[in-house]
Amino acid sequence: MATSFFKGSIGILPPGALGVSFFYHLTGELRNLDSLVSFLERQGSTSAAPLR
């Protein structure tokens, strides 16, 4: 999965419970979904499959 990021963006790895909580916090309780905060996927990881 190739992803390009904006300067100042944040990638969260892994997408577990703590990562999801961090995402929720950084996006203002999901009110600000501007692509500056996103989950990163490790190659071969199954934990990110539901997020695709």
PDB file of N, CA and C in Angstrom:
ATOM      1  N   MET A   1       0.849  -1.171   0.000  1.00  0.00           N
ATOM      2  CA  MET A   1       0.000   0.000   0.000  1.00  0.00           C
ATOM      3  C   MET A   1       0.896   1.235   0.000  1.00  0.00           C
ATOM      4  N   ALA A   2       0.879   1.955  -1.043  1.00  0.00           N
ATOM      5  CA  ALA A   2       1.684   3.169  -1.129  1.00  0.00           C
ATOM      6  C   ALA A   2       0.820   4.367  -0.786  1.00  0.00           C
ATOM      7  N   THR A   3       1.308   5.153   0.120  1.00  0.00           N
ATOM      8  CA  THR A   3       0.562   6.330   0.544  1.00  0.00           C
ATOM      9  C   THR A   3       1.494   7.519   0.574  1.00  0.00           C
ATOM     10  N   SER A   4       1.040   8.639   0.082  1.00  0.00           N
ATOM     11  CA  SER A   4       1.833   9.857   0.198  1.00  0.00           C
ATOM     12  C   SER A   4       1.232  10.693   1.318  1.00  0.00           C
ATOM     13  N   PHE A   5       2.106  11.351   2.054  1.00  0.00           N
ATOM     14  CA  PHE A   5       1.662  12.122   3.194  1.00  0.00           C
ATOM     15  C   PHE A   5       1.973  13.593   2.997  1.00  0.00           C
ATOM     16  N   PHE A   6       1.172  14.420   3.628  1.00  0.00           N
ATOM     17  CA  PHE A   6       1.382  15.853   3.621  1.00  0.00           C
ATOM     18  C   PHE A   6       2.356  16.210   4.730  1.00  0.00           C
ATOM     19  N   LYS A   7       3.084  17.277   4.555  1.00  0.00           N
ATOM     20  CA  LYS A   7       3.966  17.764   5.602  1.00  0.00           C
ATOM     21  C   LYS A   7       3.121  18.079   6.833  1.00  0.00           C
ATOM     22  N   GLY A   8       3.539  17.588   7.970  1.00  0.00           N
ATOM     23  CA  GLY A   8       2.797  17.804   9.209  1.00  0.00           C
ATOM     24  C   GLY A   8       1.732  16.761   9.476  1.00  0.00           C
ATOM     25  N   SER A   9       1.641  15.745   8.628  1.00  0.00           N
ATOM     26  CA  SER A   9       0.643  14.703   8.844  1.00  0.00           C
ATOM     27  C   SER A   9       1.174  13.677   9.851  1.00  0.00           C
ATOM     28  N   ILE A  10       0.269  12.869  10.366  1.00  0.00           N
ATOM     29  CA  ILE A  10       0.609  11.878  11.375  1.00  0.00           C
ATOM     30  C   ILE A  10       0.138  10.512  10.902  1.00  0.00           C
ATOM     31  N   GLY A  11       1.015   9.517  10.990  1.00  0.00           N
ATOM     32  CA  GLY A  11       0.666   8.135  10.681  1.00  0.00           C
ATOM     33  C   GLY A  11       0.689   7.322  11.963  1.00  0.00           C
ATOM     34  N   ILE A  12      -0.349   6.561  12.217  1.00  0.00           N
ATOM     35  CA  ILE A  12      -0.465   5.774  13.439  1.00  0.00           C
ATOM     36  C   ILE A  12      -0.258   4.304  13.106  1.00  0.00           C
ATOM     37  N   LEU A  13       0.608   3.665  13.867  1.00  0.00           N
ATOM     38  CA  LEU A  13       0.923   2.253  13.686  1.00  0.00           C
ATOM     39  C   LEU A  13       1.106   1.641  15.056  1.00  0.00           C
ATOM     40  N   PRO A  14       0.529   0.537  15.391  1.00  0.00           N
ATOM     41  CA  PRO A  14      -0.450  -0.266  14.684  1.00  0.00           C
ATOM     42  C   PRO A  14      -1.871   0.242  14.959  1.00  0.00           C
ATOM     43  N   PRO A  15      -2.829  -0.225  14.175  1.00  0.00           N
ATOM     44  CA  PRO A  15      -4.211   0.222  14.344  1.00  0.00           C
ATOM     45  C   PRO A  15      -4.954  -0.567  15.415  1.00  0.00           C
ATOM     46  N   GLY A  16      -4.359  -0.724  16.580  1.00  0.00           N
ATOM     47  CA  GLY A  16      -5.019  -1.416  17.685  1.00  0.00           C
ATOM     48  C   GLY A  16      -5.864  -0.454  18.496  1.00  0.00           C
ATOM     49  N   ALA A  17      -6.252  -0.878  19.681  1.00  0.00           N
ATOM     50  CA  ALA A  17      -7.126  -0.058  20.525  1.00  0.00           C
ATOM     51  C   ALA A  17      -6.482   1.280  20.873  1.00  0.00           C
ATOM     52  N   LEU A  18      -5.208   1.288  21.198  1.00  0.00           N
ATOM     53  CA  LEU A  18      -4.542   2.544  21.535  1.00  0.00           C
ATOM     54  C   LEU A  18      -4.431   3.450  20.311  1.00  0.00           C
ATOM     55  N   GLY A  19      -4.116   2.864  19.142  1.00  0.00           N
ATOM     56  CA  GLY A  19      -4.038   3.648  17.910  1.00  0.00           C
ATOM     57  C   GLY A  19      -5.378   4.262  17.534  1.00  0.00           C
ATOM     58  N   VAL A  20      -6.437   3.500  17.709  1.00  0.00           N
ATOM     59  CA  VAL A  20      -7.787   4.008  17.402  1.00  0.00           C
ATOM     60  C   VAL A  20      -8.153   5.136  18.357  1.00  0.00           C
ATOM     61  N   SER A  21      -7.810   4.988  19.629  1.00  0.00           N
ATOM     62  CA  SER A  21      -8.079   6.049  20.604  1.00  0.00           C
ATOM     63  C   SER A  21      -7.298   7.307  20.264  1.00  0.00           C
ATOM     64  N   PHE A  22      -6.041   7.142  19.871  1.00  0.00           N
ATOM     65  CA  PHE A  22      -5.202   8.268  19.489  1.00  0.00           C
ATOM     66  C   PHE A  22      -5.774   8.959  18.250  1.00  0.00           C
ATOM     67  N   PHE A  23      -6.219   8.182  17.259  1.00  0.00           N
ATOM     68  CA  PHE A  23      -6.840   8.718  16.052  1.00  0.00           C
ATOM     69  C   PHE A  23      -8.077   9.535  16.415  1.00  0.00           C
ATOM     70  N   TYR A  24      -8.904   8.984  17.278  1.00  0.00           N
ATOM     71  CA  TYR A  24     -10.133   9.656  17.714  1.00  0.00           C
ATOM     72  C   TYR A  24      -9.805  10.996  18.367  1.00  0.00           C
ATOM     73  N   HIS A  25      -8.785  10.997  19.216  1.00  0.00           N
ATOM     74  CA  HIS A  25      -8.375  12.224  19.903  1.00  0.00           C
ATOM     75  C   HIS A  25      -7.818  13.253  18.914  1.00  0.00           C
ATOM     76  N   LEU A  26      -6.915  12.831  18.031  1.00  0.00           N
ATOM     77  CA  LEU A  26      -6.268  13.758  17.100  1.00  0.00           C
ATOM     78  C   LEU A  26      -7.212  14.325  16.042  1.00  0.00           C
ATOM     79  N   THR A  27      -8.296  13.634  15.775  1.00  0.00           N
ATOM     80  CA  THR A  27      -9.262  14.126  14.785  1.00  0.00           C
ATOM     81  C   THR A  27     -10.417  14.881  15.436  1.00  0.00           C
ATOM     82  N   GLY A  28     -10.253  15.259  16.700  1.00  0.00           N
ATOM     83  CA  GLY A  28     -11.310  16.029  17.379  1.00  0.00           C
ATOM     84  C   GLY A  28     -12.596  15.248  17.470  1.00  0.00           C
ATOM     85  N   GLU A  29     -12.486  14.013  17.924  1.00  0.00           N
ATOM     86  CA  GLU A  29     -13.639  13.109  18.040  1.00  0.00           C
ATOM     87  C   GLU A  29     -14.304  12.893  16.685  1.00  0.00           C
ATOM     88  N   LEU A  30     -13.491  12.745  15.669  1.00  0.00           N
ATOM     89  CA  LEU A  30     -13.885  12.454  14.277  1.00  0.00           C
ATOM     90  C   LEU A  30     -14.544  13.641  13.572  1.00  0.00           C
ATOM     91  N   ARG A  31     -14.471  14.828  14.156  1.00  0.00           N
ATOM     92  CA  ARG A  31     -15.053  16.005  13.518  1.00  0.00           C
ATOM     93  C   ARG A  31     -14.142  16.596  12.446  1.00  0.00           C
ATOM     94  N   ASN A  32     -12.854  16.256  12.469  1.00  0.00           N
ATOM     95  CA  ASN A  32     -11.889  16.850  11.548  1.00  0.00           C
ATOM     96  C   ASN A  32     -11.149  15.749  10.786  1.00  0.00           C
ATOM     97  N   LEU A  33     -11.799  15.147   9.829  1.00  0.00           N
ATOM     98  CA  LEU A  33     -11.201  14.069   9.034  1.00  0.00           C
ATOM     99  C   LEU A  33     -10.606  14.652   7.754  1.00  0.00           C
ATOM    100  N   ASP A  34      -9.458  15.305   7.896  1.00  0.00           N
ATOM    101  CA  ASP A  34      -8.839  16.016   6.778  1.00  0.00           C
ATOM    102  C   ASP A  34      -7.649  15.290   6.165  1.00  0.00           C
ATOM    103  N   SER A  35      -7.483  14.026   6.441  1.00  0.00           N
ATOM    104  CA  SER A  35      -6.397  13.183   5.909  1.00  0.00           C
ATOM    105  C   SER A  35      -5.022  13.519   6.489  1.00  0.00           C
ATOM    106  N   LEU A  36      -4.952  14.362   7.503  1.00  0.00           N
ATOM    107  CA  LEU A  36      -3.667  14.638   8.134  1.00  0.00           C
ATOM    108  C   LEU A  36      -3.322  13.600   9.191  1.00  0.00           C
ATOM    109  N   VAL A  37      -4.302  12.830   9.618  1.00  0.00           N
ATOM    110  CA  VAL A  37      -4.085  11.734  10.559  1.00  0.00           C
ATOM    111  C   VAL A  37      -4.581  10.468   9.873  1.00  0.00           C
ATOM    112  N   SER A  38      -3.738   9.465   9.811  1.00  0.00           N
ATOM    113  CA  SER A  38      -4.143   8.225   9.149  1.00  0.00           C
ATOM    114  C   SER A  38      -3.427   7.041   9.774  1.00  0.00           C
ATOM    115  N   PHE A  39      -3.934   5.868   9.503  1.00  0.00           N
ATOM    116  CA  PHE A  39      -3.307   4.635   9.959  1.00  0.00           C
ATOM    117  C   PHE A  39      -2.296   4.183   8.913  1.00  0.00           C
ATOM    118  N   LEU A  40      -1.199   3.619   9.373  1.00  0.00           N
ATOM    119  CA  LEU A  40      -0.205   3.046   8.479  1.00  0.00           C
ATOM    120  C   LEU A  40      -0.356   1.536   8.502  1.00  0.00           C
ATOM    121  N   GLU A  41      -0.106   0.931   7.387  1.00  0.00           N
ATOM    122  CA  GLU A  41      -0.225  -0.517   7.285  1.00  0.00           C
ATOM    123  C   GLU A  41       1.150  -1.128   7.077  1.00  0.00           C
ATOM    124  N   ARG A  42       1.482  -2.092   7.929  1.00  0.00           N
ATOM    125  CA  ARG A  42       2.729  -2.824   7.746  1.00  0.00           C
ATOM    126  C   ARG A  42       2.498  -3.917   6.717  1.00  0.00           C
ATOM    127  N   GLN A  43       3.482  -4.136   5.873  1.00  0.00           N
ATOM    128  CA  GLN A  43       3.359  -5.170   4.848  1.00  0.00           C
ATOM    129  C   GLN A  43       3.154  -6.525   5.510  1.00  0.00           C
ATOM    130  N   GLY A  44       2.140  -7.248   5.078  1.00  0.00           N
ATOM    131  CA  GLY A  44       1.849  -8.573   5.608  1.00  0.00           C
ATOM    132  C   GLY A  44       1.041  -8.572   6.886  1.00  0.00           C
ATOM    133  N   SER A  45       0.681  -7.421   7.409  1.00  0.00           N
ATOM    134  CA  SER A  45      -0.078  -7.332   8.651  1.00  0.00           C
ATOM    135  C   SER A  45      -1.554  -7.619   8.389  1.00  0.00           C
ATOM    136  N   THR A  46      -2.155  -8.401   9.272  1.00  0.00           N
ATOM    137  CA  THR A  46      -3.590  -8.674   9.133  1.00  0.00           C
ATOM    138  C   THR A  46      -4.435  -7.716   9.959  1.00  0.00           C
ATOM    139  N   SER A  47      -3.818  -6.975  10.888  1.00  0.00           N
ATOM    140  CA  SER A  47      -4.605  -6.096  11.757  1.00  0.00           C
ATOM    141  C   SER A  47      -5.170  -4.897  11.024  1.00  0.00           C
ATOM    142  N   ALA A  48      -4.587  -4.508   9.892  1.00  0.00           N
ATOM    143  CA  ALA A  48      -5.073  -3.354   9.158  1.00  0.00           C
ATOM    144  C   ALA A  48      -6.099  -3.725   8.082  1.00  0.00           C
ATOM    145  N   ALA A  49      -6.302  -4.993   7.847  1.00  0.00           N
ATOM    146  CA  ALA A  49      -7.225  -5.427   6.794  1.00  0.00           C
ATOM    147  C   ALA A  49      -8.635  -4.839   6.936  1.00  0.00           C
ATOM    148  N   PRO A  50      -9.207  -4.790   8.157  1.00  0.00           N
ATOM    149  CA  PRO A  50     -10.560  -4.216   8.273  1.00  0.00           C
ATOM    150  C   PRO A  50     -10.623  -2.716   7.971  1.00  0.00           C
ATOM    151  N   LEU A  51      -9.495  -2.031   7.963  1.00  0.00           N
ATOM    152  CA  LEU A  51      -9.487  -0.584   7.743  1.00  0.00           C
ATOM    153  C   LEU A  51      -9.416  -0.211   6.278  1.00  0.00           C
ATOM    154  N   ARG A  52      -9.217  -1.171   5.412  1.00  0.00           N
ATOM    155  CA  ARG A  52      -9.092  -0.874   3.972  1.00  0.00           C
ATOM    156  C   ARG A  52     -10.423  -0.578   3.354  1.00  0.00           C
TER     157      ARG A  52
END
